Amino acid sequence: METEMTTETAAMRCWVESGRVCLELADGRLLSFPAAKYPLLANAPQDLLEKVKLRLNGLALRWEELDEDIWVDDAICGRFPRGKIFGHA
């Protein structure tokens, strides 16, 4: 019998590597997504990208100096902002 997961996915660790935001999830999975998928992160210098912090018990990512917040679930599910993305119209 399969049960539907009703809780959001939490991250245990986050870091930025080669222009990608990397996450280690509570269930042991590792994943990453391009920082360029988010307009405020797309042109940010590496030193500011690296200042990512986990918030809300690992449910959100926060870049204080860039004023950017991302829900971990949105990134995992590929729900990226619409509009102009770095390198694309």
N, C-alpha and C. Protein backbone atom coordinates (compact mmCIF):
# COMPACT_ATOMS: atom_id res chain seq x y z
N MET A 1 0.84 -1.18 0.00
CA MET A 1 0.00 0.00 0.00
C MET A 1 0.89 1.25 0.00
N GLU A 2 0.64 2.13 -0.95
CA GLU A 2 1.41 3.36 -1.03
C GLU A 2 0.72 4.45 -0.23
N THR A 3 1.51 5.28 0.42
CA THR A 3 0.96 6.42 1.13
C THR A 3 1.46 7.69 0.49
N GLU A 4 0.61 8.66 0.44
CA GLU A 4 0.98 9.94 -0.16
C GLU A 4 1.73 10.78 0.86
N MET A 5 2.85 11.34 0.45
CA MET A 5 3.62 12.19 1.35
C MET A 5 2.89 13.52 1.51
N THR A 6 2.63 13.90 2.73
CA THR A 6 1.88 15.12 2.97
C THR A 6 2.72 16.23 3.56
N THR A 7 3.97 15.97 3.83
CA THR A 7 4.84 17.00 4.37
C THR A 7 5.76 17.53 3.28
N GLU A 8 6.20 18.75 3.47
CA GLU A 8 7.11 19.33 2.52
C GLU A 8 8.51 18.74 2.71
N THR A 9 9.29 18.78 1.65
CA THR A 9 10.64 18.25 1.69
C THR A 9 11.57 19.28 2.31
N ALA A 10 12.35 18.85 3.27
CA ALA A 10 13.28 19.74 3.95
C ALA A 10 14.72 19.46 3.50
N ALA A 11 15.51 20.51 3.47
CA ALA A 11 16.93 20.38 3.18
C ALA A 11 17.70 20.39 4.49
N MET A 12 18.75 19.59 4.52
CA MET A 12 19.62 19.53 5.70
C MET A 12 20.86 20.39 5.51
N ARG A 13 21.20 20.63 4.23
CA ARG A 13 22.41 21.38 3.91
C ARG A 13 22.23 22.02 2.55
N CYS A 14 22.84 23.18 2.34
CA CYS A 14 22.82 23.84 1.03
C CYS A 14 24.16 24.52 0.79
N TRP A 15 24.53 24.59 -0.47
CA TRP A 15 25.76 25.26 -0.88
C TRP A 15 25.66 25.58 -2.36
N VAL A 16 26.57 26.41 -2.86
CA VAL A 16 26.60 26.80 -4.27
C VAL A 16 27.92 26.32 -4.86
N GLU A 17 27.81 25.66 -6.01
CA GLU A 17 28.98 25.10 -6.68
C GLU A 17 28.81 25.24 -8.20
N SER A 18 29.75 25.87 -8.84
CA SER A 18 29.75 26.02 -10.31
C SER A 18 28.42 26.57 -10.84
N GLY A 19 27.91 27.61 -10.18
CA GLY A 19 26.68 28.24 -10.65
C GLY A 19 25.41 27.47 -10.34
N ARG A 20 25.50 26.43 -9.54
CA ARG A 20 24.34 25.62 -9.18
C ARG A 20 24.13 25.66 -7.68
N VAL A 21 22.88 25.75 -7.27
CA VAL A 21 22.52 25.67 -5.86
C VAL A 21 22.32 24.19 -5.55
N CYS A 22 23.07 23.68 -4.60
CA CYS A 22 23.06 22.26 -4.27
C CYS A 22 22.36 22.05 -2.93
N LEU A 23 21.58 20.99 -2.85
CA LEU A 23 20.84 20.67 -1.64
C LEU A 23 21.06 19.23 -1.24
N GLU A 24 21.22 19.01 0.04
CA GLU A 24 21.17 17.67 0.60
C GLU A 24 19.86 17.61 1.38
N LEU A 25 18.95 16.74 0.93
CA LEU A 25 17.63 16.67 1.52
C LEU A 25 17.60 15.75 2.73
N ALA A 26 16.61 15.93 3.57
CA ALA A 26 16.46 15.14 4.79
C ALA A 26 16.35 13.64 4.49
N ASP A 27 15.83 13.29 3.30
CA ASP A 27 15.68 11.88 2.95
C ASP A 27 16.94 11.29 2.31
N GLY A 28 18.03 12.08 2.28
CA GLY A 28 19.31 11.60 1.77
C GLY A 28 19.59 11.93 0.32
N ARG A 29 18.59 12.42 -0.41
CA ARG A 29 18.82 12.77 -1.81
C ARG A 29 19.69 14.02 -1.91
N LEU A 30 20.48 14.08 -2.98
CA LEU A 30 21.24 15.26 -3.33
C LEU A 30 20.70 15.77 -4.65
N LEU A 31 20.50 17.06 -4.76
CA LEU A 31 20.06 17.63 -6.03
C LEU A 31 20.59 19.03 -6.16
N SER A 32 20.53 19.54 -7.38
CA SER A 32 20.97 20.91 -7.63
C SER A 32 20.13 21.51 -8.73
N PHE A 33 20.15 22.82 -8.79
CA PHE A 33 19.47 23.55 -9.85
C PHE A 33 20.30 24.78 -10.19
N PRO A 34 20.18 25.26 -11.43
CA PRO A 34 20.97 26.44 -11.83
C PRO A 34 20.51 27.69 -11.09
N ALA A 35 21.44 28.40 -10.51
CA ALA A 35 21.11 29.67 -9.86
C ALA A 35 20.47 30.63 -10.86
N ALA A 36 20.84 30.50 -12.13
CA ALA A 36 20.33 31.38 -13.18
C ALA A 36 18.82 31.25 -13.40
N LYS A 37 18.19 30.24 -12.83
CA LYS A 37 16.73 30.09 -12.95
C LYS A 37 15.99 31.17 -12.17
N TYR A 38 16.70 31.87 -11.30
CA TYR A 38 16.10 32.92 -10.48
C TYR A 38 16.74 34.26 -10.83
N PRO A 39 15.94 35.22 -11.28
CA PRO A 39 16.50 36.50 -11.74
C PRO A 39 17.43 37.19 -10.74
N LEU A 40 17.11 37.16 -9.45
CA LEU A 40 17.97 37.83 -8.48
C LEU A 40 19.30 37.11 -8.26
N LEU A 41 19.34 35.83 -8.59
CA LEU A 41 20.57 35.06 -8.43
C LEU A 41 21.39 35.01 -9.71
N ALA A 42 20.74 35.22 -10.85
CA ALA A 42 21.37 35.01 -12.16
C ALA A 42 22.67 35.77 -12.35
N ASN A 43 22.71 37.02 -11.93
CA ASN A 43 23.90 37.84 -12.14
C ASN A 43 24.64 38.15 -10.85
N ALA A 44 24.27 37.47 -9.78
CA ALA A 44 24.91 37.73 -8.49
C ALA A 44 26.35 37.20 -8.49
N PRO A 45 27.25 37.92 -7.86
CA PRO A 45 28.63 37.43 -7.76
C PRO A 45 28.70 36.18 -6.88
N GLN A 46 29.68 35.36 -7.14
CA GLN A 46 29.84 34.09 -6.44
C GLN A 46 29.87 34.26 -4.92
N ASP A 47 30.55 35.31 -4.43
CA ASP A 47 30.65 35.48 -2.98
C ASP A 47 29.29 35.70 -2.33
N LEU A 48 28.36 36.36 -3.03
CA LEU A 48 27.02 36.54 -2.49
C LEU A 48 26.18 35.27 -2.64
N LEU A 49 26.35 34.55 -3.75
CA LEU A 49 25.63 33.28 -3.93
C LEU A 49 25.97 32.30 -2.81
N GLU A 50 27.22 32.31 -2.39
CA GLU A 50 27.68 31.37 -1.37
C GLU A 50 27.12 31.67 0.02
N LYS A 51 26.46 32.80 0.19
CA LYS A 51 25.91 33.17 1.49
C LYS A 51 24.50 32.63 1.71
N VAL A 52 24.13 31.61 0.99
CA VAL A 52 22.81 31.00 1.14
C VAL A 52 22.68 30.36 2.52
N LYS A 53 21.50 30.51 3.12
CA LYS A 53 21.21 29.94 4.43
C LYS A 53 19.90 29.18 4.37
N LEU A 54 19.81 28.12 5.15
CA LEU A 54 18.54 27.40 5.30
C LEU A 54 17.68 28.15 6.32
N ARG A 55 16.40 28.21 6.04
CA ARG A 55 15.45 28.86 6.94
C ARG A 55 14.24 27.94 7.11
N LEU A 56 13.44 28.24 8.10
CA LEU A 56 12.18 27.53 8.36
C LEU A 56 12.38 26.01 8.43
N ASN A 57 13.35 25.61 9.25
CA ASN A 57 13.65 24.18 9.44
C ASN A 57 13.97 23.46 8.13
N GLY A 58 14.66 24.15 7.23
CA GLY A 58 15.10 23.53 5.98
C GLY A 58 14.08 23.56 4.86
N LEU A 59 12.97 24.27 5.04
CA LEU A 59 11.95 24.35 4.00
C LEU A 59 12.20 25.47 3.01
N ALA A 60 13.10 26.40 3.35
CA ALA A 60 13.36 27.55 2.49
C ALA A 60 14.84 27.88 2.46
N LEU A 61 15.24 28.52 1.36
CA LEU A 61 16.59 29.04 1.19
C LEU A 61 16.51 30.56 1.24
N ARG A 62 17.52 31.19 1.84
CA ARG A 62 17.52 32.65 1.96
C ARG A 62 18.88 33.21 1.64
N TRP A 63 18.89 34.24 0.77
CA TRP A 63 20.07 35.04 0.49
C TRP A 63 19.77 36.44 1.01
N GLU A 64 20.21 36.74 2.21
CA GLU A 64 19.88 38.01 2.87
C GLU A 64 20.29 39.22 2.05
N GLU A 65 21.55 39.25 1.61
CA GLU A 65 22.06 40.42 0.89
C GLU A 65 21.43 40.59 -0.49
N LEU A 66 20.91 39.51 -1.07
CA LEU A 66 20.25 39.58 -2.38
C LEU A 66 18.73 39.71 -2.24
N ASP A 67 18.23 39.61 -1.01
CA ASP A 67 16.80 39.65 -0.72
C ASP A 67 16.03 38.61 -1.54
N GLU A 68 16.53 37.39 -1.54
CA GLU A 68 15.91 36.29 -2.29
C GLU A 68 15.56 35.14 -1.34
N ASP A 69 14.34 34.64 -1.49
CA ASP A 69 13.86 33.48 -0.75
C ASP A 69 13.32 32.47 -1.76
N ILE A 70 13.65 31.20 -1.53
CA ILE A 70 13.18 30.14 -2.42
C ILE A 70 12.68 28.99 -1.55
N TRP A 71 11.47 28.51 -1.84
CA TRP A 71 10.96 27.32 -1.16
C TRP A 71 11.68 26.11 -1.73
N VAL A 72 12.17 25.25 -0.88
CA VAL A 72 12.87 24.03 -1.30
C VAL A 72 11.95 23.19 -2.19
N ASP A 73 10.69 23.04 -1.82
CA ASP A 73 9.75 22.26 -2.63
C ASP A 73 9.62 22.81 -4.05
N ASP A 74 9.60 24.14 -4.18
CA ASP A 74 9.49 24.74 -5.52
C ASP A 74 10.71 24.37 -6.38
N ALA A 75 11.88 24.45 -5.80
CA ALA A 75 13.10 24.11 -6.54
C ALA A 75 13.11 22.64 -6.92
N ILE A 76 12.74 21.77 -5.99
CA ILE A 76 12.73 20.33 -6.25
C ILE A 76 11.76 19.98 -7.37
N CYS A 77 10.61 20.64 -7.38
CA CYS A 77 9.57 20.35 -8.37
C CYS A 77 9.74 21.13 -9.67
N GLY A 78 10.78 21.96 -9.77
CA GLY A 78 11.03 22.72 -10.99
C GLY A 78 10.08 23.88 -11.18
N ARG A 79 9.52 24.40 -10.10
CA ARG A 79 8.63 25.56 -10.18
C ARG A 79 9.48 26.82 -10.07
N PHE A 80 10.05 27.22 -11.20
CA PHE A 80 10.92 28.38 -11.25
C PHE A 80 10.12 29.59 -11.70
N PRO A 81 10.58 30.81 -11.36
CA PRO A 81 9.85 32.01 -11.77
C PRO A 81 9.76 32.13 -13.28
N ARG A 82 8.70 32.74 -13.72
CA ARG A 82 8.54 32.99 -15.15
C ARG A 82 9.19 34.31 -15.51
N GLY A 83 9.34 34.54 -16.78
CA GLY A 83 9.92 35.80 -17.22
C GLY A 83 11.32 35.61 -17.74
N LYS A 84 12.01 36.71 -17.90
CA LYS A 84 13.36 36.64 -18.47
C LYS A 84 14.31 35.94 -17.50
N ILE A 85 14.96 34.94 -18.01
CA ILE A 85 15.94 34.18 -17.25
C ILE A 85 17.30 34.42 -17.89
N PHE A 86 18.33 34.47 -17.08
CA PHE A 86 19.69 34.72 -17.55
C PHE A 86 19.99 33.89 -18.81
N GLY A 87 20.35 34.59 -19.87
CA GLY A 87 20.73 33.92 -21.10
C GLY A 87 19.56 33.54 -22.01
N HIS A 88 18.33 33.81 -21.56
CA HIS A 88 17.15 33.46 -22.35
C HIS A 88 16.17 34.61 -22.35
N ALA A 89 15.37 34.68 -23.38
CA ALA A 89 14.34 35.73 -23.46
C ALA A 89 13.08 35.28 -22.77
